[in-house]
Amino acid sequence: MTETVQILLVEDTSTDERFIRELLSEAARVQFHVTSAASLRLATVHVRQQEIDAILVDLTLPDSTGIETFM
């Protein structure tokens, strides 16, 4: 049985998002269900609404940059 991992991808650049989705789709033993958010604000909405196993975060978002993102 293939495990499904819920990923929240916080990325505001569409080409980077497509690239990351492509890389994740190549995993052999794990299936990733990827939800995307283009800003930190939208990401916090997703975290409150659904169960997430892992978050991949761009550290240069329109509404947050660097360590500020984690605070």
N, C-alpha and C. Protein backbone atom coordinates (compact mmCIF):
# COMPACT_ATOMS: atom_id res chain seq x y z
N MET A 1 0.84 -1.18 0.00
CA MET A 1 0.00 0.00 0.00
C MET A 1 0.89 1.25 0.00
N THR A 2 0.50 2.22 -0.77
CA THR A 2 1.25 3.47 -0.86
C THR A 2 0.77 4.44 0.20
N GLU A 3 1.71 5.01 0.91
CA GLU A 3 1.41 6.01 1.93
C GLU A 3 1.14 7.34 1.25
N THR A 4 0.16 8.09 1.76
CA THR A 4 -0.12 9.44 1.25
C THR A 4 0.28 10.45 2.31
N VAL A 5 1.11 11.41 1.90
CA VAL A 5 1.59 12.46 2.78
C VAL A 5 0.97 13.78 2.32
N GLN A 6 0.37 14.49 3.27
CA GLN A 6 -0.27 15.78 2.98
C GLN A 6 0.79 16.88 3.11
N ILE A 7 1.07 17.54 1.99
CA ILE A 7 2.08 18.59 1.94
C ILE A 7 1.41 19.94 1.70
N LEU A 8 1.83 20.95 2.43
CA LEU A 8 1.44 22.32 2.12
C LEU A 8 2.66 22.99 1.51
N LEU A 9 2.54 23.41 0.28
CA LEU A 9 3.62 24.08 -0.43
C LEU A 9 3.33 25.58 -0.45
N VAL A 10 4.16 26.34 0.24
CA VAL A 10 3.98 27.78 0.33
C VAL A 10 5.01 28.41 -0.61
N GLU A 11 4.54 28.76 -1.80
CA GLU A 11 5.42 29.22 -2.88
C GLU A 11 4.64 30.19 -3.76
N ASP A 12 5.23 31.35 -4.02
CA ASP A 12 4.53 32.36 -4.82
C ASP A 12 4.97 32.40 -6.28
N THR A 13 5.93 31.59 -6.67
CA THR A 13 6.40 31.55 -8.05
C THR A 13 5.89 30.28 -8.72
N SER A 14 5.08 30.44 -9.75
CA SER A 14 4.43 29.27 -10.37
C SER A 14 5.43 28.28 -10.96
N THR A 15 6.53 28.76 -11.53
CA THR A 15 7.50 27.82 -12.10
C THR A 15 8.17 26.99 -11.00
N ASP A 16 8.45 27.60 -9.87
CA ASP A 16 9.03 26.86 -8.74
C ASP A 16 8.01 25.85 -8.19
N GLU A 17 6.76 26.26 -8.12
CA GLU A 17 5.72 25.35 -7.65
C GLU A 17 5.61 24.13 -8.56
N ARG A 18 5.58 24.34 -9.87
CA ARG A 18 5.50 23.22 -10.82
C ARG A 18 6.70 22.30 -10.67
N PHE A 19 7.90 22.87 -10.52
CA PHE A 19 9.11 22.09 -10.38
C PHE A 19 9.05 21.20 -9.12
N ILE A 20 8.64 21.76 -8.01
CA ILE A 20 8.56 21.01 -6.77
C ILE A 20 7.51 19.91 -6.86
N ARG A 21 6.37 20.22 -7.46
CA ARG A 21 5.33 19.21 -7.65
C ARG A 21 5.85 18.06 -8.52
N GLU A 22 6.60 18.40 -9.56
CA GLU A 22 7.17 17.37 -10.43
C GLU A 22 8.14 16.47 -9.66
N LEU A 23 9.01 17.08 -8.87
CA LEU A 23 9.95 16.29 -8.07
C LEU A 23 9.21 15.36 -7.10
N LEU A 24 8.19 15.87 -6.45
CA LEU A 24 7.44 15.05 -5.50
C LEU A 24 6.70 13.92 -6.19
N SER A 25 6.26 14.14 -7.41
CA SER A 25 5.51 13.11 -8.13
C SER A 25 6.39 11.92 -8.52
N GLU A 26 7.70 12.10 -8.50
CA GLU A 26 8.63 11.04 -8.88
C GLU A 26 8.94 10.07 -7.73
N ALA A 27 8.42 10.34 -6.54
CA ALA A 27 8.66 9.45 -5.40
C ALA A 27 8.05 8.08 -5.67
N ALA A 28 8.80 7.04 -5.35
CA ALA A 28 8.36 5.68 -5.66
C ALA A 28 7.42 5.09 -4.61
N ARG A 29 7.70 5.28 -3.36
CA ARG A 29 6.95 4.60 -2.30
C ARG A 29 5.96 5.47 -1.56
N VAL A 30 5.98 6.75 -1.84
CA VAL A 30 5.10 7.68 -1.13
C VAL A 30 4.35 8.52 -2.17
N GLN A 31 3.08 8.71 -1.91
CA GLN A 31 2.30 9.60 -2.76
C GLN A 31 2.10 10.89 -1.99
N PHE A 32 2.32 12.01 -2.64
CA PHE A 32 2.16 13.31 -1.99
C PHE A 32 0.90 13.98 -2.50
N HIS A 33 0.08 14.44 -1.57
CA HIS A 33 -1.06 15.28 -1.92
C HIS A 33 -0.63 16.69 -1.57
N VAL A 34 -0.47 17.53 -2.60
CA VAL A 34 0.09 18.86 -2.41
C VAL A 34 -1.00 19.91 -2.50
N THR A 35 -1.09 20.74 -1.46
CA THR A 35 -1.94 21.91 -1.46
C THR A 35 -1.02 23.11 -1.53
N SER A 36 -1.36 24.09 -2.35
CA SER A 36 -0.49 25.25 -2.53
C SER A 36 -1.10 26.51 -1.92
N ALA A 37 -0.20 27.37 -1.46
CA ALA A 37 -0.57 28.70 -0.97
C ALA A 37 0.50 29.66 -1.46
N ALA A 38 0.09 30.81 -1.97
CA ALA A 38 1.03 31.77 -2.53
C ALA A 38 1.50 32.82 -1.53
N SER A 39 1.00 32.75 -0.30
CA SER A 39 1.43 33.71 0.72
C SER A 39 1.35 33.05 2.10
N LEU A 40 1.99 33.66 3.06
CA LEU A 40 1.94 33.15 4.43
C LEU A 40 0.52 33.25 4.98
N ARG A 41 -0.17 34.30 4.66
CA ARG A 41 -1.56 34.48 5.11
C ARG A 41 -2.43 33.32 4.63
N LEU A 42 -2.34 32.98 3.35
CA LEU A 42 -3.13 31.87 2.82
C LEU A 42 -2.69 30.53 3.43
N ALA A 43 -1.41 30.40 3.69
CA ALA A 43 -0.90 29.17 4.30
C ALA A 43 -1.51 28.95 5.68
N THR A 44 -1.62 29.99 6.47
CA THR A 44 -2.20 29.85 7.81
C THR A 44 -3.67 29.43 7.73
N VAL A 45 -4.38 29.87 6.70
CA VAL A 45 -5.76 29.44 6.50
C VAL A 45 -5.80 27.93 6.24
N HIS A 46 -4.94 27.45 5.37
CA HIS A 46 -4.90 26.02 5.05
C HIS A 46 -4.55 25.18 6.28
N VAL A 47 -3.61 25.64 7.08
CA VAL A 47 -3.20 24.89 8.27
C VAL A 47 -4.36 24.75 9.25
N ARG A 48 -5.18 25.77 9.34
CA ARG A 48 -6.33 25.72 10.25
C ARG A 48 -7.46 24.84 9.72
N GLN A 49 -7.52 24.66 8.40
CA GLN A 49 -8.65 23.96 7.80
C GLN A 49 -8.40 22.49 7.50
N GLN A 50 -7.16 22.07 7.42
CA GLN A 50 -6.90 20.68 7.05
C GLN A 50 -5.68 20.15 7.78
N GLU A 51 -5.58 18.84 7.83
CA GLU A 51 -4.44 18.20 8.46
C GLU A 51 -3.27 18.19 7.48
N ILE A 52 -2.13 18.66 7.92
CA ILE A 52 -0.92 18.76 7.10
C ILE A 52 0.18 17.94 7.77
N ASP A 53 0.88 17.13 6.97
CA ASP A 53 2.00 16.34 7.50
C ASP A 53 3.31 17.10 7.43
N ALA A 54 3.48 17.93 6.40
CA ALA A 54 4.73 18.68 6.22
C ALA A 54 4.44 19.96 5.44
N ILE A 55 5.27 20.96 5.71
CA ILE A 55 5.13 22.25 5.02
C ILE A 55 6.46 22.58 4.37
N LEU A 56 6.42 22.90 3.08
CA LEU A 56 7.59 23.38 2.34
C LEU A 56 7.38 24.88 2.11
N VAL A 57 8.31 25.70 2.60
CA VAL A 57 8.09 27.14 2.61
C VAL A 57 9.19 27.88 1.86
N ASP A 58 8.78 28.73 0.94
CA ASP A 58 9.67 29.68 0.28
C ASP A 58 9.94 30.79 1.31
N LEU A 59 11.18 31.16 1.50
CA LEU A 59 11.50 32.18 2.50
C LEU A 59 11.51 33.60 1.94
N THR A 60 11.03 33.77 0.72
CA THR A 60 10.86 35.11 0.15
C THR A 60 9.44 35.22 -0.41
N LEU A 61 8.49 35.34 0.50
CA LEU A 61 7.08 35.45 0.13
C LEU A 61 6.67 36.92 0.06
N PRO A 62 5.55 37.21 -0.60
CA PRO A 62 5.13 38.61 -0.68
C PRO A 62 4.79 39.24 0.67
N ASP A 63 4.37 38.42 1.64
CA ASP A 63 3.98 38.97 2.92
C ASP A 63 4.87 38.55 4.08
N SER A 64 6.01 37.93 3.77
CA SER A 64 6.94 37.52 4.82
C SER A 64 8.26 37.07 4.18
N THR A 65 9.37 37.37 4.85
CA THR A 65 10.67 36.95 4.36
C THR A 65 11.54 36.44 5.50
N GLY A 66 12.39 35.50 5.17
CA GLY A 66 13.38 34.99 6.11
C GLY A 66 12.80 34.39 7.37
N ILE A 67 13.51 34.57 8.48
CA ILE A 67 13.12 33.99 9.77
C ILE A 67 11.78 34.52 10.25
N GLU A 68 11.41 35.70 9.80
CA GLU A 68 10.12 36.30 10.14
C GLU A 68 8.97 35.34 9.81
N THR A 69 9.14 34.56 8.78
CA THR A 69 8.13 33.60 8.35
C THR A 69 7.81 32.61 9.46
N PHE A 70 8.81 32.18 10.20
CA PHE A 70 8.60 31.19 11.25
C PHE A 70 8.11 31.79 12.55
N MET A 71 8.33 33.04 12.73
CA MET A 71 7.89 33.70 13.97
C MET A 71 6.40 33.96 13.87
